[in-house]
């Protein structure tokens, strides 16, 4: 049986990936810092389907966290066939009014841990001549977002990084995908400290995490470099910079996100 490593598996898109891959009879390695949630999810999935689920409790904002995860998996003698770099965090507000430490943690989690995990496991996939990697970016990666400046910049990095690796590895039987969801039914808005007014206004347009995952796996099977789930509204957002002057677009976004 194949094995999938999923970071940020304790909620939202990460949990949806775990549920869908379990249904496909793929063994799981679940990583997050929420110990209780991880073990509850692992127990539930193992009761539903005959798979093996390993749990690694690790805060990926810590230095060398990715290497600790890799070493733990190596010690268990496991090979990772699917890597889902889903762990990530946002932070809403004007840049200088938010804690610098929070911004640094965001870069560590959204970029550094993702790059390190990709490096470690992609190297093994290249040696075996097969593998799959999904890096969760965002529609925020297609243009700057005032009041989410660092978050959007990290997702622009993930998008560019993943598409470059897709091109490098497409002849090696290794599929690499940048998953770029829009607003999704998860705890993102609460964790990023969005105002209630903004969250309530956007609740009706949220895409389900399950839909995001199904779109991602279909795009991976079709060897796409990126995919944007969520319908025409998200397609309009990611393509708007092709038709509107950048300063005009950023001004419009600033008014929408000002809160």
Protein backbone atom coordinates (compact mmCIF):
# COMPACT_ATOMS: atom_id res chain seq x y z
CA UNK A 1 0.00 0.00 0.00
CA UNK A 2 1.07 3.55 -0.67
CA UNK A 3 1.63 6.07 2.11
CA UNK A 4 0.71 9.76 2.29
CA UNK A 5 2.23 12.35 4.61
CA UNK A 6 -0.17 15.21 5.38
CA UNK A 7 0.84 18.27 7.36
CA UNK A 8 -1.76 20.41 9.08
CA UNK A 9 -3.91 17.28 9.19
CA UNK A 10 -5.90 18.14 12.32
CA UNK A 11 -8.48 20.39 10.63
CA UNK A 12 -9.85 21.87 7.40
CA UNK A 13 -8.26 20.87 4.11
CA UNK A 14 -5.73 18.65 5.88
CA UNK A 15 -8.44 16.55 7.50
CA UNK A 16 -10.31 16.36 4.18
CA UNK A 17 -7.16 15.05 2.48
CA UNK A 18 -6.78 12.42 5.22
CA UNK A 19 -10.39 11.29 4.81
CA UNK A 20 -10.27 11.12 1.02
CA UNK A 21 -6.91 9.33 0.81
CA UNK A 22 -8.01 6.88 3.49
CA UNK A 23 -11.05 6.01 1.37
CA UNK A 24 -8.58 5.27 -1.44
CA UNK A 25 -6.83 2.70 0.78
CA UNK A 26 -3.68 4.79 1.28
CA UNK A 27 -1.81 4.58 4.57
CA UNK A 28 -1.39 7.90 6.34
CA UNK A 29 1.16 9.84 8.35
CA UNK A 30 -0.62 12.76 10.01
CA UNK A 31 1.37 15.76 11.22
CA UNK A 32 0.16 18.72 13.29
CA UNK A 33 0.69 20.19 16.74
CA UNK A 34 -2.84 19.31 17.97
CA UNK A 35 -2.22 15.94 19.59
CA UNK A 36 -5.79 15.14 20.66
CA UNK A 37 -7.29 16.01 17.27
CA UNK A 38 -4.70 13.92 15.42
CA UNK A 39 -5.25 10.81 17.51
CA UNK A 40 -9.03 11.16 17.32
CA UNK A 41 -8.82 11.44 13.52
CA UNK A 42 -6.42 8.49 13.29
CA UNK A 43 -8.69 6.29 15.41
CA UNK A 44 -11.76 7.25 13.40
CA UNK A 45 -10.12 6.53 10.04
CA UNK A 46 -8.68 3.19 11.13
CA UNK A 47 -12.15 2.09 12.25
CA UNK A 48 -13.59 3.04 8.86
CA UNK A 49 -11.02 1.49 6.52
CA UNK A 50 -8.23 -1.11 6.81
CA UNK A 51 -5.28 1.26 6.70
CA UNK A 52 -2.37 2.13 8.99
CA UNK A 53 -2.26 5.65 10.40
CA UNK A 54 0.86 7.05 12.06
CA UNK A 55 0.72 10.27 14.05
CA UNK A 56 3.57 12.75 14.48
CA UNK A 57 2.88 15.63 16.85
CA UNK A 58 5.11 18.46 15.68
CA UNK A 59 4.90 22.25 15.56
CA UNK A 60 6.31 23.09 12.13
CA UNK A 61 7.02 26.70 13.12
CA UNK A 62 9.96 25.39 15.17
CA UNK A 63 13.48 25.38 13.73
CA UNK A 64 14.52 22.00 12.26
CA UNK A 65 10.92 20.74 12.57
CA UNK A 66 10.89 19.32 9.03
CA UNK A 67 14.09 17.35 9.68
CA UNK A 68 12.56 15.94 12.89
CA UNK A 69 9.52 14.75 10.93
CA UNK A 70 11.74 13.23 8.23
CA UNK A 71 13.95 11.47 10.78
CA UNK A 72 10.93 10.03 12.59
CA UNK A 73 9.52 8.63 9.34
CA UNK A 74 12.91 7.23 8.33
CA UNK A 75 13.26 5.51 11.71
CA UNK A 76 9.85 3.88 11.17
CA UNK A 77 11.07 2.51 7.83
CA UNK A 78 8.30 4.23 5.86
CA UNK A 79 8.38 5.53 2.28
CA UNK A 80 6.28 8.59 1.45
CA UNK A 81 4.49 8.26 -1.90
CA UNK A 82 2.25 11.30 -1.43
CA UNK A 83 3.43 14.47 0.29
CA UNK A 84 0.71 17.00 1.07
CA UNK A 85 2.24 20.22 2.39
CA UNK A 86 -0.97 21.69 3.76
CA UNK A 87 0.13 23.30 7.04
CA UNK A 88 -0.11 27.07 6.87
CA UNK A 89 -1.37 30.13 8.69
CA UNK A 90 -2.51 33.66 7.87
CA UNK A 91 -2.57 36.89 9.85
CA UNK A 92 -5.00 39.72 9.13
CA UNK A 93 -4.14 43.37 9.71
CA UNK A 94 -1.86 46.22 8.65
CA UNK A 95 1.72 44.92 8.56
CA UNK A 96 3.22 47.14 11.29
CA UNK A 97 0.21 46.65 13.57
CA UNK A 98 0.77 42.91 13.80
CA UNK A 99 3.46 41.16 15.83
CA UNK A 100 6.73 40.69 13.95
CA UNK A 101 7.16 37.29 15.61
CA UNK A 102 3.85 36.20 14.10
CA UNK A 103 5.03 37.23 10.62
CA UNK A 104 8.30 35.32 11.10
CA UNK A 105 6.40 32.19 12.21
CA UNK A 106 4.22 32.49 9.12
CA UNK A 107 7.28 32.53 6.86
CA UNK A 108 8.78 29.60 8.77
CA UNK A 109 5.60 27.51 8.42
CA UNK A 110 4.31 28.55 4.99
CA UNK A 111 7.69 28.60 3.24
CA UNK A 112 10.65 27.17 5.16
CA UNK A 113 9.02 23.99 6.50
CA UNK A 114 7.34 23.38 3.13
CA UNK A 115 10.62 23.77 1.23
CA UNK A 116 12.53 21.54 3.65
CA UNK A 117 9.93 18.77 3.58
CA UNK A 118 9.74 18.96 -0.21
CA UNK A 119 13.53 18.74 -0.51
CA UNK A 120 13.84 15.77 1.82
CA UNK A 121 11.03 13.67 0.36
CA UNK A 122 11.40 14.71 -3.30
CA UNK A 123 15.00 13.49 -3.24
CA UNK A 124 13.77 10.03 -2.23
CA UNK A 125 10.98 10.11 -4.83
CA UNK A 126 13.54 10.89 -7.53
CA UNK A 127 15.63 7.89 -6.45
CA UNK A 128 12.57 5.62 -6.64
CA UNK A 129 11.34 7.17 -9.90
CA UNK A 130 7.83 7.88 -8.65
CA UNK A 131 5.95 10.20 -6.30
CA UNK A 132 3.33 12.89 -5.81
CA UNK A 133 3.54 16.25 -4.05
CA UNK A 134 0.72 18.72 -3.40
CA UNK A 135 1.76 22.09 -2.03
CA UNK A 136 -1.18 24.13 -0.77
CA UNK A 137 -0.87 27.69 -2.04
CA UNK A 138 -3.89 30.01 -2.44
CA UNK A 139 -5.58 32.35 -4.86
CA UNK A 140 -3.84 34.94 -2.65
CA UNK A 141 -0.63 33.92 -4.41
CA UNK A 142 -1.70 35.52 -7.71
CA UNK A 143 -1.67 39.15 -6.51
CA UNK A 144 -0.63 41.22 -3.49
CA UNK A 145 -3.18 41.41 -0.66
CA UNK A 146 -3.11 44.49 1.58
CA UNK A 147 -3.74 43.50 5.24
CA UNK A 148 -2.57 39.98 4.36
CA UNK A 149 0.74 41.14 2.92
CA UNK A 150 3.07 38.48 4.29
CA UNK A 151 0.55 35.66 3.88
CA UNK A 152 -0.06 36.49 0.21
CA UNK A 153 3.69 36.77 -0.40
CA UNK A 154 4.27 33.33 1.12
CA UNK A 155 1.60 31.83 -1.11
CA UNK A 156 3.10 33.53 -4.19
CA UNK A 157 6.35 31.78 -3.25
CA UNK A 158 4.61 28.40 -2.92
CA UNK A 159 2.93 28.81 -6.31
CA UNK A 160 6.15 29.79 -8.10
CA UNK A 161 8.24 27.16 -6.30
CA UNK A 162 5.78 24.35 -7.02
CA UNK A 163 5.35 25.18 -10.71
CA UNK A 164 9.13 25.29 -11.16
CA UNK A 165 9.48 21.86 -9.55
CA UNK A 166 6.61 20.56 -11.70
CA UNK A 167 8.64 21.47 -14.80
CA UNK A 168 11.86 20.00 -13.39
CA UNK A 169 10.24 16.67 -12.54
CA UNK A 170 7.52 16.09 -15.14
CA UNK A 171 9.77 13.66 -17.04
CA UNK A 172 10.59 11.66 -13.88
CA UNK A 173 7.14 10.18 -13.20
CA UNK A 174 6.75 12.60 -10.28
CA UNK A 175 3.64 14.80 -10.14
CA UNK A 176 3.89 18.15 -8.37
CA UNK A 177 0.86 20.40 -7.95
CA UNK A 178 0.25 23.86 -6.55
CA UNK A 179 -3.23 23.78 -5.03
CA UNK A 180 -4.70 27.29 -4.98
CA UNK A 181 -8.04 27.37 -3.16
CA UNK A 182 -10.04 30.48 -2.45
CA UNK A 183 -12.10 31.02 0.71
CA UNK A 184 -12.69 27.55 2.14
CA UNK A 185 -14.90 26.17 4.87
CA UNK A 186 -12.21 25.85 7.55
CA UNK A 187 -10.94 27.74 10.60
CA UNK A 188 -8.64 29.95 8.50
CA UNK A 189 -10.51 33.21 9.10
CA UNK A 190 -10.68 32.70 12.85
CA UNK A 191 -7.04 31.62 13.12
CA UNK A 192 -5.94 34.61 11.04
CA UNK A 193 -7.89 36.97 13.34
CA UNK A 194 -10.25 38.37 10.69
CA UNK A 195 -12.99 40.64 12.04
CA UNK A 196 -16.38 38.93 12.49
CA UNK A 197 -17.98 41.27 9.95
CA UNK A 198 -15.61 40.06 7.22
CA UNK A 199 -16.04 36.40 8.15
CA UNK A 200 -19.85 36.58 8.23
CA UNK A 201 -19.95 38.39 4.88
CA UNK A 202 -17.95 35.65 3.16
CA UNK A 203 -19.52 32.59 4.76
CA UNK A 204 -21.95 32.12 1.88
CA UNK A 205 -19.18 31.88 -0.72
CA UNK A 206 -16.99 29.28 0.99
CA UNK A 207 -15.93 26.16 -0.90
CA UNK A 208 -16.06 22.93 1.07
CA UNK A 209 -12.72 21.37 2.02
CA UNK A 210 -13.92 18.10 0.48
CA UNK A 211 -14.49 19.81 -2.88
CA UNK A 212 -11.02 21.39 -2.74
CA UNK A 213 -9.41 17.99 -2.12
CA UNK A 214 -11.31 16.21 -4.91
CA UNK A 215 -10.29 18.98 -7.34
CA UNK A 216 -6.66 18.67 -6.21
CA UNK A 217 -6.47 14.92 -6.67
CA UNK A 218 -8.10 15.11 -10.10
CA UNK A 219 -5.62 17.81 -11.17
CA UNK A 220 -2.73 15.70 -9.84
CA UNK A 221 -3.91 12.70 -11.86
CA UNK A 222 -4.05 14.93 -14.94
CA UNK A 223 -0.47 16.12 -14.24
CA UNK A 224 -1.41 19.78 -13.99
CA UNK A 225 1.02 22.28 -12.48
CA UNK A 226 -1.68 24.15 -10.55
CA UNK A 227 -5.39 24.11 -9.92
CA UNK A 228 -7.86 26.70 -8.63
CA UNK A 229 -10.97 25.11 -7.09
CA UNK A 230 -14.14 27.02 -6.36
CA UNK A 231 -15.76 28.06 -9.62
CA UNK A 232 -15.79 31.16 -11.81
CA UNK A 233 -15.38 33.73 -9.05
CA UNK A 234 -11.98 32.33 -8.09
CA UNK A 235 -10.97 32.08 -11.75
CA UNK A 236 -11.82 35.76 -12.16
CA UNK A 237 -9.68 36.69 -9.16
CA UNK A 238 -6.58 34.81 -10.29
CA UNK A 239 -6.82 36.16 -13.85
CA UNK A 240 -7.77 39.77 -13.04
CA UNK A 241 -4.16 40.95 -13.04
CA UNK A 242 -3.96 40.05 -16.74
CA UNK A 243 -6.62 42.64 -17.61
CA UNK A 244 -6.38 45.38 -14.96
CA UNK A 245 -3.48 47.72 -14.16
CA UNK A 246 -1.75 46.42 -11.03
CA UNK A 247 -2.13 49.66 -9.05
CA UNK A 248 -5.86 49.77 -9.80
CA UNK A 249 -6.27 46.14 -8.79
CA UNK A 250 -4.36 46.57 -5.53
CA UNK A 251 -6.38 49.67 -4.64
CA UNK A 252 -9.63 47.75 -5.17
CA UNK A 253 -8.36 44.90 -2.99
CA UNK A 254 -7.23 47.32 -0.28
CA UNK A 255 -10.74 48.73 0.01
CA UNK A 256 -12.26 45.26 0.18
CA UNK A 257 -9.89 44.04 2.88
CA UNK A 258 -9.65 47.22 4.94
CA UNK A 259 -12.20 45.92 7.47
